[in-house]
Amino acid sequence: GPPGGGPIVSDALVFAPRFNGAVELFKLDDYKRPAAVYKAFGRIMVQPVLSYNSVSWVSDEGHLYVGFANQQQVRFRVEAKEGIIAKPFFTPTGKLFATSLDCYLYCIDEVRGNLLWRFTTGEPIDQSPVAIGDTVYVITREHNLYAVNINDVGEKWVVSDVGPFLSGTDDRLYCTDPTGNLI
């Protein structure tokens, strides 16, 4: 499997990523049936992400794939200009967020697959986005944390010297600084 993780399981399928860019889908109720194989452009560097209705995986060539969580079918593909190397993030309201090394945060309609908007930080983004309430947070490779309003795509604020996101609520975010201290 890829360096970022192994298979994930929905109610009906097992999604097994392969380092060569393929994802194998096995039906749980028919284990003798051959796997459906979906080839991706590029290598899959992180484990797929599962929502209630969908599964998504990304490639280092900048492609985001979304398939049905309980059917052997790819629904759509979104293409960024550079690699997507962090897990995407599903919201309960049907939005899918992805970040890319092309400096953009992408917001995609989970059902239709259309790009709702994109926001540029001007800096490569190699960490997963996190949405809490009406805000989506992204941390750039240069350790800047951006808070973006989901509804009007406005930058709420930006803060420097922030490392990985750990947890959060509507009122607080818990991250580390670049040296590993809790902030």
N, C-alpha and C. Protein backbone atom coordinates (compact mmCIF):
# COMPACT_ATOMS: atom_id res chain seq x y z
N GLY A 1 0.81 -1.19 0.00
CA GLY A 1 0.00 0.00 0.00
C GLY A 1 0.85 1.24 0.00
N PRO A 2 0.21 2.40 -0.04
CA PRO A 2 0.95 3.66 -0.07
C PRO A 2 1.58 3.95 1.27
N PRO A 3 2.55 4.87 1.32
CA PRO A 3 3.22 5.16 2.58
C PRO A 3 2.29 5.76 3.63
N GLY A 4 1.19 6.38 3.21
CA GLY A 4 0.31 7.06 4.16
C GLY A 4 -0.75 6.19 4.80
N GLY A 5 -0.89 4.95 4.42
CA GLY A 5 -1.90 4.12 5.06
C GLY A 5 -2.45 3.05 4.16
N GLY A 6 -3.23 2.18 4.77
CA GLY A 6 -3.76 1.03 4.07
C GLY A 6 -5.22 1.18 3.73
N PRO A 7 -5.92 0.06 3.64
CA PRO A 7 -7.31 0.06 3.20
C PRO A 7 -8.26 0.69 4.22
N ILE A 8 -9.40 1.14 3.71
CA ILE A 8 -10.50 1.58 4.56
C ILE A 8 -11.73 0.80 4.15
N VAL A 9 -12.72 0.71 5.06
CA VAL A 9 -13.88 -0.14 4.84
C VAL A 9 -15.15 0.67 5.04
N SER A 10 -16.07 0.59 4.05
CA SER A 10 -17.41 1.16 4.20
C SER A 10 -18.35 0.03 4.58
N ASP A 11 -19.66 0.27 4.51
CA ASP A 11 -20.63 -0.78 4.82
C ASP A 11 -20.59 -1.93 3.81
N ALA A 12 -20.19 -1.63 2.56
CA ALA A 12 -20.26 -2.65 1.52
C ALA A 12 -18.94 -2.92 0.81
N LEU A 13 -17.95 -2.02 0.94
CA LEU A 13 -16.73 -2.14 0.14
C LEU A 13 -15.47 -1.97 0.97
N VAL A 14 -14.39 -2.54 0.47
CA VAL A 14 -13.05 -2.29 1.00
C VAL A 14 -12.31 -1.51 -0.09
N PHE A 15 -11.72 -0.38 0.29
CA PHE A 15 -10.95 0.45 -0.63
C PHE A 15 -9.48 0.27 -0.28
N ALA A 16 -8.74 -0.36 -1.18
CA ALA A 16 -7.33 -0.66 -0.92
C ALA A 16 -6.46 0.11 -1.90
N PRO A 17 -5.82 1.19 -1.43
CA PRO A 17 -4.95 1.95 -2.33
C PRO A 17 -3.64 1.21 -2.59
N ARG A 18 -3.10 1.42 -3.75
CA ARG A 18 -1.82 0.85 -4.13
C ARG A 18 -0.87 2.00 -4.48
N PHE A 19 0.39 1.84 -4.18
CA PHE A 19 1.38 2.89 -4.39
C PHE A 19 1.47 3.32 -5.85
N ASN A 20 1.17 2.41 -6.78
CA ASN A 20 1.30 2.71 -8.20
C ASN A 20 0.16 3.58 -8.74
N GLY A 21 -0.74 4.03 -7.89
CA GLY A 21 -1.81 4.90 -8.33
C GLY A 21 -3.15 4.22 -8.51
N ALA A 22 -3.24 2.95 -8.23
CA ALA A 22 -4.50 2.23 -8.36
C ALA A 22 -5.19 2.13 -7.01
N VAL A 23 -6.51 2.05 -7.05
CA VAL A 23 -7.32 1.76 -5.88
C VAL A 23 -8.16 0.54 -6.23
N GLU A 24 -8.06 -0.49 -5.40
CA GLU A 24 -8.86 -1.69 -5.61
C GLU A 24 -10.08 -1.64 -4.70
N LEU A 25 -11.26 -1.97 -5.26
CA LEU A 25 -12.49 -1.99 -4.50
C LEU A 25 -13.02 -3.41 -4.45
N PHE A 26 -13.15 -3.93 -3.23
CA PHE A 26 -13.64 -5.29 -3.02
C PHE A 26 -15.01 -5.22 -2.37
N LYS A 27 -15.96 -6.01 -2.89
CA LYS A 27 -17.28 -6.09 -2.28
C LYS A 27 -17.22 -7.02 -1.07
N LEU A 28 -17.73 -6.57 0.07
CA LEU A 28 -17.70 -7.37 1.29
C LEU A 28 -18.61 -8.59 1.21
N ASP A 29 -19.76 -8.45 0.55
CA ASP A 29 -20.71 -9.55 0.51
C ASP A 29 -20.44 -10.54 -0.63
N ASP A 30 -19.42 -10.27 -1.45
CA ASP A 30 -19.10 -11.18 -2.55
C ASP A 30 -17.58 -11.23 -2.69
N TYR A 31 -16.93 -11.88 -1.71
CA TYR A 31 -15.48 -11.89 -1.65
C TYR A 31 -14.83 -12.65 -2.81
N LYS A 32 -15.59 -13.49 -3.52
CA LYS A 32 -15.02 -14.22 -4.64
C LYS A 32 -15.00 -13.39 -5.92
N ARG A 33 -15.75 -12.33 -5.93
CA ARG A 33 -15.80 -11.46 -7.10
C ARG A 33 -14.47 -10.70 -7.24
N PRO A 34 -13.93 -10.61 -8.46
CA PRO A 34 -12.67 -9.87 -8.63
C PRO A 34 -12.83 -8.40 -8.24
N ALA A 35 -11.76 -7.83 -7.80
CA ALA A 35 -11.77 -6.42 -7.39
C ALA A 35 -11.93 -5.53 -8.61
N ALA A 36 -12.65 -4.44 -8.42
CA ALA A 36 -12.67 -3.38 -9.43
C ALA A 36 -11.43 -2.54 -9.17
N VAL A 37 -10.72 -2.18 -10.22
CA VAL A 37 -9.48 -1.43 -10.08
C VAL A 37 -9.64 -0.09 -10.78
N TYR A 38 -9.36 0.98 -10.06
CA TYR A 38 -9.40 2.32 -10.62
C TYR A 38 -7.99 2.87 -10.63
N LYS A 39 -7.54 3.24 -11.80
CA LYS A 39 -6.19 3.77 -11.97
C LYS A 39 -6.23 5.28 -11.80
N ALA A 40 -5.31 5.77 -11.00
CA ALA A 40 -5.20 7.22 -10.80
C ALA A 40 -3.97 7.73 -11.54
N PHE A 41 -4.00 9.00 -11.90
CA PHE A 41 -2.82 9.63 -12.46
C PHE A 41 -1.91 9.99 -11.29
N GLY A 42 -0.73 9.43 -11.25
CA GLY A 42 0.20 9.69 -10.17
C GLY A 42 0.11 8.63 -9.09
N ARG A 43 0.85 8.86 -8.01
CA ARG A 43 0.89 7.92 -6.90
C ARG A 43 -0.03 8.38 -5.78
N ILE A 44 -0.62 7.43 -5.09
CA ILE A 44 -1.47 7.72 -3.95
C ILE A 44 -0.59 7.71 -2.72
N MET A 45 -0.46 8.86 -2.08
CA MET A 45 0.49 9.01 -0.98
C MET A 45 -0.18 8.96 0.39
N VAL A 46 -1.52 9.09 0.46
CA VAL A 46 -2.23 9.06 1.73
C VAL A 46 -3.44 8.15 1.61
N GLN A 47 -3.91 7.68 2.75
CA GLN A 47 -5.07 6.79 2.81
C GLN A 47 -6.31 7.50 2.30
N PRO A 48 -7.21 6.80 1.58
CA PRO A 48 -8.47 7.41 1.17
C PRO A 48 -9.29 7.87 2.38
N VAL A 49 -10.23 8.78 2.13
CA VAL A 49 -11.09 9.33 3.18
C VAL A 49 -12.53 8.94 2.85
N LEU A 50 -13.25 8.51 3.87
CA LEU A 50 -14.61 8.02 3.70
C LEU A 50 -15.61 8.95 4.38
N SER A 51 -16.68 9.31 3.66
CA SER A 51 -17.81 10.01 4.27
C SER A 51 -18.99 9.04 4.26
N TYR A 52 -20.17 9.52 4.63
CA TYR A 52 -21.34 8.66 4.64
C TYR A 52 -21.66 8.15 3.24
N ASN A 53 -21.54 9.02 2.22
CA ASN A 53 -21.92 8.67 0.86
C ASN A 53 -20.76 8.44 -0.10
N SER A 54 -19.58 8.92 0.24
CA SER A 54 -18.48 8.96 -0.73
C SER A 54 -17.18 8.47 -0.14
N VAL A 55 -16.27 8.14 -1.06
CA VAL A 55 -14.89 7.88 -0.71
C VAL A 55 -14.05 8.76 -1.63
N SER A 56 -12.94 9.28 -1.11
CA SER A 56 -12.10 10.16 -1.90
C SER A 56 -10.64 9.78 -1.71
N TRP A 57 -9.88 9.86 -2.79
CA TRP A 57 -8.44 9.66 -2.71
C TRP A 57 -7.77 10.67 -3.62
N VAL A 58 -6.50 10.94 -3.33
CA VAL A 58 -5.77 11.98 -4.05
C VAL A 58 -4.44 11.43 -4.56
N SER A 59 -3.85 12.15 -5.52
CA SER A 59 -2.58 11.71 -6.07
C SER A 59 -1.56 12.84 -6.06
N ASP A 60 -0.31 12.45 -6.10
CA ASP A 60 0.75 13.44 -6.12
C ASP A 60 0.84 14.19 -7.45
N GLU A 61 0.03 13.83 -8.41
CA GLU A 61 -0.06 14.54 -9.69
C GLU A 61 -1.16 15.59 -9.67
N GLY A 62 -1.86 15.74 -8.54
CA GLY A 62 -2.87 16.79 -8.41
C GLY A 62 -4.29 16.39 -8.76
N HIS A 63 -4.59 15.11 -8.68
CA HIS A 63 -5.94 14.66 -8.97
C HIS A 63 -6.65 14.22 -7.69
N LEU A 64 -7.90 14.63 -7.57
CA LEU A 64 -8.76 14.22 -6.47
C LEU A 64 -9.89 13.40 -7.08
N TYR A 65 -10.06 12.18 -6.59
CA TYR A 65 -11.09 11.27 -7.09
C TYR A 65 -12.15 11.09 -6.02
N VAL A 66 -13.41 11.03 -6.45
CA VAL A 66 -14.51 10.77 -5.53
C VAL A 66 -15.36 9.65 -6.13
N GLY A 67 -15.57 8.62 -5.32
CA GLY A 67 -16.42 7.51 -5.73
C GLY A 67 -17.54 7.30 -4.72
N PHE A 68 -18.48 6.45 -5.07
CA PHE A 68 -19.55 6.12 -4.15
C PHE A 68 -19.00 5.25 -3.02
N ALA A 69 -19.47 5.45 -1.82
CA ALA A 69 -18.98 4.68 -0.67
C ALA A 69 -19.46 3.23 -0.71
N ASN A 70 -20.58 2.97 -1.36
CA ASN A 70 -21.14 1.62 -1.33
C ASN A 70 -21.39 1.04 -2.72
N GLN A 71 -20.75 1.59 -3.74
CA GLN A 71 -20.84 1.06 -5.10
C GLN A 71 -19.46 1.10 -5.72
N GLN A 72 -19.21 0.21 -6.66
CA GLN A 72 -17.93 0.19 -7.35
C GLN A 72 -18.00 1.15 -8.54
N GLN A 73 -17.99 2.45 -8.23
CA GLN A 73 -18.10 3.44 -9.30
C GLN A 73 -17.45 4.75 -8.88
N VAL A 74 -16.60 5.30 -9.76
CA VAL A 74 -16.04 6.62 -9.54
C VAL A 74 -17.07 7.64 -10.01
N ARG A 75 -17.30 8.67 -9.17
CA ARG A 75 -18.29 9.69 -9.51
C ARG A 75 -17.70 10.83 -10.31
N PHE A 76 -16.53 11.33 -9.86
CA PHE A 76 -15.91 12.43 -10.59
C PHE A 76 -14.45 12.58 -10.18
N ARG A 77 -13.75 13.42 -10.93
CA ARG A 77 -12.35 13.73 -10.66
C ARG A 77 -12.18 15.24 -10.78
N VAL A 78 -11.40 15.81 -9.87
CA VAL A 78 -11.05 17.23 -9.90
C VAL A 78 -9.54 17.31 -10.04
N GLU A 79 -9.08 18.24 -10.85
CA GLU A 79 -7.66 18.34 -11.12
C GLU A 79 -7.09 19.67 -10.63
N ALA A 80 -6.01 19.60 -9.87
CA ALA A 80 -5.27 20.78 -9.44
C ALA A 80 -4.04 20.91 -10.33
N LYS A 81 -3.39 22.06 -10.28
CA LYS A 81 -2.23 22.28 -11.14
C LYS A 81 -0.97 21.60 -10.60
N GLU A 82 -0.94 21.29 -9.30
CA GLU A 82 0.20 20.58 -8.71
C GLU A 82 -0.34 19.50 -7.78
N GLY A 83 0.55 18.76 -7.13
CA GLY A 83 0.19 17.61 -6.33
C GLY A 83 -0.74 17.91 -5.16
N ILE A 84 -1.58 16.93 -4.88
CA ILE A 84 -2.41 16.94 -3.68
C ILE A 84 -1.86 15.81 -2.82
N ILE A 85 -1.21 16.16 -1.71
CA ILE A 85 -0.53 15.15 -0.91
C ILE A 85 -1.08 15.05 0.51
N ALA A 86 -2.21 15.71 0.76
CA ALA A 86 -2.87 15.65 2.07
C ALA A 86 -4.29 15.12 1.89
N LYS A 87 -4.80 14.48 2.93
CA LYS A 87 -6.16 13.95 2.87
C LYS A 87 -7.18 15.08 2.70
N PRO A 88 -8.20 14.85 1.87
CA PRO A 88 -9.29 15.83 1.79
C PRO A 88 -10.17 15.76 3.03
N PHE A 89 -11.11 16.67 3.14
CA PHE A 89 -11.98 16.77 4.32
C PHE A 89 -13.43 16.91 3.86
N PHE A 90 -14.30 15.99 4.29
CA PHE A 90 -15.73 16.04 4.00
C PHE A 90 -16.46 16.78 5.13
N THR A 91 -17.49 17.55 4.79
CA THR A 91 -18.35 18.15 5.80
C THR A 91 -19.72 17.47 5.76
N PRO A 92 -20.48 17.52 6.85
CA PRO A 92 -21.83 16.94 6.85
C PRO A 92 -22.79 17.67 5.89
N THR A 93 -22.42 18.87 5.46
CA THR A 93 -23.28 19.65 4.56
C THR A 93 -23.00 19.39 3.09
N GLY A 94 -22.18 18.38 2.77
CA GLY A 94 -21.96 18.00 1.39
C GLY A 94 -20.84 18.73 0.68
N LYS A 95 -19.95 19.34 1.43
CA LYS A 95 -18.80 19.99 0.82
C LYS A 95 -17.56 19.13 1.06
N LEU A 96 -16.67 19.19 0.10
CA LEU A 96 -15.41 18.47 0.18
C LEU A 96 -14.30 19.49 -0.01
N PHE A 97 -13.35 19.53 0.92
CA PHE A 97 -12.23 20.46 0.85
C PHE A 97 -10.95 19.69 0.58
N ALA A 98 -10.11 20.28 -0.29
CA ALA A 98 -8.81 19.70 -0.60
C ALA A 98 -7.80 20.83 -0.72
N THR A 99 -6.56 20.52 -0.35
CA THR A 99 -5.47 21.48 -0.48
C THR A 99 -4.45 20.95 -1.47
N SER A 100 -3.68 21.87 -2.05
CA SER A 100 -2.71 21.45 -3.05
C SER A 100 -1.42 22.24 -2.94
N LEU A 101 -0.39 21.66 -3.51
CA LEU A 101 0.90 22.35 -3.58
C LEU A 101 0.84 23.55 -4.53
N ASP A 102 -0.27 23.69 -5.28
CA ASP A 102 -0.44 24.85 -6.16
C ASP A 102 -0.93 26.08 -5.41
N CYS A 103 -0.94 26.01 -4.07
CA CYS A 103 -1.27 27.14 -3.18
C CYS A 103 -2.77 27.37 -3.01
N TYR A 104 -3.62 26.45 -3.48
CA TYR A 104 -5.06 26.65 -3.39
C TYR A 104 -5.72 25.70 -2.39
N LEU A 105 -6.77 26.21 -1.78
CA LEU A 105 -7.76 25.45 -1.03
C LEU A 105 -8.96 25.33 -1.95
N TYR A 106 -9.40 24.11 -2.21
CA TYR A 106 -10.52 23.85 -3.11
C TYR A 106 -11.75 23.45 -2.31
N CYS A 107 -12.92 23.98 -2.70
CA CYS A 107 -14.21 23.58 -2.14
C CYS A 107 -15.03 22.97 -3.27
N ILE A 108 -15.42 21.71 -3.10
CA ILE A 108 -16.09 20.95 -4.14
C ILE A 108 -17.42 20.42 -3.62
N ASP A 109 -18.44 20.45 -4.45
CA ASP A 109 -19.73 19.86 -4.11
C ASP A 109 -19.57 18.34 -4.15
N GLU A 110 -19.81 17.68 -3.02
CA GLU A 110 -19.58 16.24 -2.91
C GLU A 110 -20.46 15.43 -3.85
N VAL A 111 -21.67 15.88 -4.14
CA VAL A 111 -22.60 15.12 -4.97
C VAL A 111 -22.38 15.37 -6.45
N ARG A 112 -22.32 16.64 -6.84
CA ARG A 112 -22.23 16.99 -8.26
C ARG A 112 -20.80 17.00 -8.79
N GLY A 113 -19.83 17.25 -7.91
CA GLY A 113 -18.45 17.28 -8.33
C GLY A 113 -17.99 18.61 -8.89
N ASN A 114 -18.85 19.61 -8.85
CA ASN A 114 -18.42 20.90 -9.39
C ASN A 114 -17.62 21.70 -8.35
N LEU A 115 -16.69 22.47 -8.86
CA LEU A 115 -15.87 23.33 -8.02
C LEU A 115 -16.73 24.51 -7.57
N LEU A 116 -16.94 24.63 -6.26
CA LEU A 116 -17.75 25.73 -5.73
C LEU A 116 -16.92 27.00 -5.63
N TRP A 117 -15.68 26.86 -5.17
CA TRP A 117 -14.75 27.98 -5.10
C TRP A 117 -13.35 27.48 -4.80
N ARG A 118 -12.40 28.37 -4.96
CA ARG A 118 -11.03 28.09 -4.53
C ARG A 118 -10.45 29.36 -3.95
N PHE A 119 -9.56 29.16 -3.00
CA PHE A 119 -8.94 30.26 -2.25
C PHE A 119 -7.44 30.08 -2.30
N THR A 120 -6.71 31.13 -2.65
CA THR A 120 -5.26 31.02 -2.70
C THR A 120 -4.62 31.60 -1.44
N THR A 121 -3.62 30.88 -0.96
CA THR A 121 -2.82 31.38 0.15
C THR A 121 -1.52 31.99 -0.38
N GLY A 122 -1.19 31.69 -1.64
CA GLY A 122 0.07 32.13 -2.20
C GLY A 122 1.25 31.29 -1.73
N GLU A 123 0.97 30.24 -0.98
CA GLU A 123 2.00 29.36 -0.43
C GLU A 123 1.54 27.91 -0.59
N PRO A 124 2.45 26.99 -0.90
CA PRO A 124 2.05 25.58 -1.03
C PRO A 124 1.41 25.06 0.26
N ILE A 125 0.40 24.21 0.08
CA ILE A 125 -0.31 23.64 1.22
C ILE A 125 -0.15 22.13 1.16
N ASP A 126 0.49 21.57 2.20
CA ASP A 126 0.72 20.12 2.22
C ASP A 126 0.09 19.46 3.44
N GLN A 127 -0.82 20.18 4.11
CA GLN A 127 -1.56 19.61 5.23
C GLN A 127 -3.04 19.59 4.89
N SER A 128 -3.77 18.69 5.53
CA SER A 128 -5.21 18.57 5.30
C SER A 128 -5.95 19.78 5.83
N PRO A 129 -6.99 20.20 5.11
CA PRO A 129 -7.83 21.27 5.63
C PRO A 129 -8.74 20.72 6.73
N VAL A 130 -9.25 21.61 7.57
CA VAL A 130 -10.19 21.22 8.62
C VAL A 130 -11.30 22.26 8.64
N ALA A 131 -12.55 21.81 8.54
CA ALA A 131 -13.70 22.71 8.60
C ALA A 131 -14.40 22.56 9.93
N ILE A 132 -14.65 23.69 10.58
CA ILE A 132 -15.39 23.74 11.84
C ILE A 132 -16.39 24.88 11.72
N GLY A 133 -17.67 24.55 11.84
CA GLY A 133 -18.70 25.58 11.69
C GLY A 133 -18.65 26.17 10.29
N ASP A 134 -18.60 27.50 10.20
CA ASP A 134 -18.58 28.17 8.90
C ASP A 134 -17.17 28.57 8.47
N THR A 135 -16.16 27.93 9.07
CA THR A 135 -14.78 28.27 8.77
C THR A 135 -13.99 27.03 8.39
N VAL A 136 -13.14 27.17 7.38
CA VAL A 136 -12.21 26.11 7.02
C VAL A 136 -10.80 26.66 7.28
N TYR A 137 -9.98 25.81 7.89
CA TYR A 137 -8.63 26.20 8.29
C TYR A 137 -7.61 25.43 7.45
N VAL A 138 -6.58 26.15 7.00
CA VAL A 138 -5.47 25.51 6.28
C VAL A 138 -4.15 26.05 6.82
N ILE A 139 -3.19 25.17 6.88
CA ILE A 139 -1.84 25.54 7.32
C ILE A 139 -0.90 25.31 6.15
N THR A 140 -0.17 26.36 5.79
CA THR A 140 0.72 26.29 4.63
C THR A 140 2.07 25.69 5.01
N ARG A 141 2.83 25.41 4.00
CA ARG A 141 4.17 24.87 4.20
C ARG A 141 5.07 25.87 4.94
N GLU A 142 4.74 27.17 4.83
CA GLU A 142 5.51 28.22 5.52
C GLU A 142 4.98 28.48 6.93
N HIS A 143 4.10 27.61 7.44
CA HIS A 143 3.58 27.65 8.81
C HIS A 143 2.63 28.82 9.06
N ASN A 144 1.86 29.20 8.05
CA ASN A 144 0.82 30.21 8.23
C ASN A 144 -0.53 29.52 8.27
N LEU A 145 -1.32 29.86 9.29
CA LEU A 145 -2.67 29.30 9.46
C LEU A 145 -3.67 30.31 8.94
N TYR A 146 -4.45 29.90 7.94
CA TYR A 146 -5.49 30.75 7.35
C TYR A 146 -6.85 30.26 7.81
N ALA A 147 -7.71 31.21 8.19
CA ALA A 147 -9.11 30.92 8.50
C ALA A 147 -9.94 31.53 7.37
N VAL A 148 -10.70 30.69 6.66
CA VAL A 148 -11.45 31.13 5.49
C VAL A 148 -12.93 30.88 5.72
N ASN A 149 -13.75 31.90 5.47
CA ASN A 149 -15.20 31.77 5.60
C ASN A 149 -15.70 30.86 4.48
N ILE A 150 -16.40 29.81 4.84
CA ILE A 150 -16.89 28.84 3.86
C ILE A 150 -17.94 29.46 2.94
N ASN A 151 -18.74 30.37 3.44
CA ASN A 151 -19.86 30.91 2.67
C ASN A 151 -19.48 32.01 1.69
N ASP A 152 -18.59 32.91 2.07
CA ASP A 152 -18.25 34.01 1.16
C ASP A 152 -16.79 33.97 0.69
N VAL A 153 -16.07 32.93 1.03
CA VAL A 153 -14.69 32.71 0.63
C VAL A 153 -13.78 33.88 1.05
N GLY A 154 -14.16 34.54 2.13
CA GLY A 154 -13.34 35.63 2.64
C GLY A 154 -12.34 35.15 3.66
N GLU A 155 -11.16 35.76 3.63
CA GLU A 155 -10.14 35.45 4.63
C GLU A 155 -10.56 36.12 5.93
N LYS A 156 -10.76 35.34 6.99
CA LYS A 156 -11.12 35.89 8.30
C LYS A 156 -9.89 36.42 9.00
N TRP A 157 -8.83 35.61 8.99
CA TRP A 157 -7.57 36.00 9.59
C TRP A 157 -6.48 35.03 9.19
N VAL A 158 -5.24 35.44 9.45
CA VAL A 158 -4.08 34.58 9.21
C VAL A 158 -3.12 34.79 10.37
N VAL A 159 -2.47 33.71 10.80
CA VAL A 159 -1.54 33.75 11.92
C VAL A 159 -0.28 32.98 11.51
N SER A 160 0.88 33.45 11.95
CA SER A 160 2.16 32.84 11.58
C SER A 160 2.66 31.87 12.65
N ASP A 161 3.66 31.11 12.28
CA ASP A 161 4.37 30.17 13.17
C ASP A 161 3.46 29.10 13.76
N VAL A 162 2.67 28.48 12.89
CA VAL A 162 1.76 27.42 13.32
C VAL A 162 2.16 26.13 12.64
N GLY A 163 2.25 25.07 13.44
CA GLY A 163 2.56 23.75 12.92
C GLY A 163 1.27 22.97 12.70
N PRO A 164 1.31 21.68 12.79
CA PRO A 164 0.12 20.87 12.52
C PRO A 164 -1.07 21.15 13.43
N PHE A 165 -2.26 21.00 12.85
CA PHE A 165 -3.54 21.11 13.56
C PHE A 165 -3.74 19.85 14.39
N LEU A 166 -4.17 20.02 15.64
CA LEU A 166 -4.43 18.87 16.51
C LEU A 166 -5.92 18.65 16.74
N SER A 167 -6.63 19.75 17.10
CA SER A 167 -8.05 19.65 17.42
C SER A 167 -8.63 21.05 17.44
N GLY A 168 -9.97 21.12 17.52
CA GLY A 168 -10.57 22.44 17.57
C GLY A 168 -12.05 22.40 17.88
N THR A 169 -12.56 23.56 18.28
CA THR A 169 -13.99 23.78 18.51
C THR A 169 -14.34 25.09 17.81
N ASP A 170 -15.59 25.54 17.95
CA ASP A 170 -15.97 26.83 17.38
C ASP A 170 -15.18 27.98 17.99
N ASP A 171 -14.72 27.82 19.23
CA ASP A 171 -14.04 28.90 19.94
C ASP A 171 -12.52 28.77 20.00
N ARG A 172 -11.98 27.58 19.85
CA ARG A 172 -10.53 27.38 20.04
C ARG A 172 -9.98 26.40 19.01
N LEU A 173 -8.72 26.65 18.65
CA LEU A 173 -7.96 25.72 17.83
C LEU A 173 -6.75 25.28 18.64
N TYR A 174 -6.41 24.03 18.52
CA TYR A 174 -5.22 23.50 19.18
C TYR A 174 -4.27 23.00 18.09
N CYS A 175 -3.10 23.60 18.07
CA CYS A 175 -2.08 23.27 17.09
C CYS A 175 -0.75 23.18 17.82
N THR A 176 0.29 22.94 17.06
CA THR A 176 1.63 23.06 17.61
C THR A 176 2.33 24.17 16.83
N ASP A 177 3.39 24.69 17.42
CA ASP A 177 4.23 25.62 16.67
C ASP A 177 5.24 24.77 15.89
N PRO A 178 6.05 25.39 15.02
CA PRO A 178 6.99 24.60 14.23
C PRO A 178 7.99 23.78 15.04
N THR A 179 8.19 24.10 16.30
CA THR A 179 9.11 23.32 17.13
C THR A 179 8.41 22.24 17.96
N GLY A 180 7.07 22.15 17.85
CA GLY A 180 6.34 21.10 18.54
C GLY A 180 5.64 21.51 19.81
N ASN A 181 5.73 22.79 20.22
CA ASN A 181 5.05 23.25 21.42
C ASN A 181 3.56 23.45 21.15
N LEU A 182 2.73 23.10 22.11
CA LEU A 182 1.28 23.28 21.99
C LEU A 182 0.93 24.76 22.01
N ILE A 183 0.09 25.17 21.05
CA ILE A 183 -0.41 26.55 21.01
C ILE A 183 -1.91 26.54 20.83
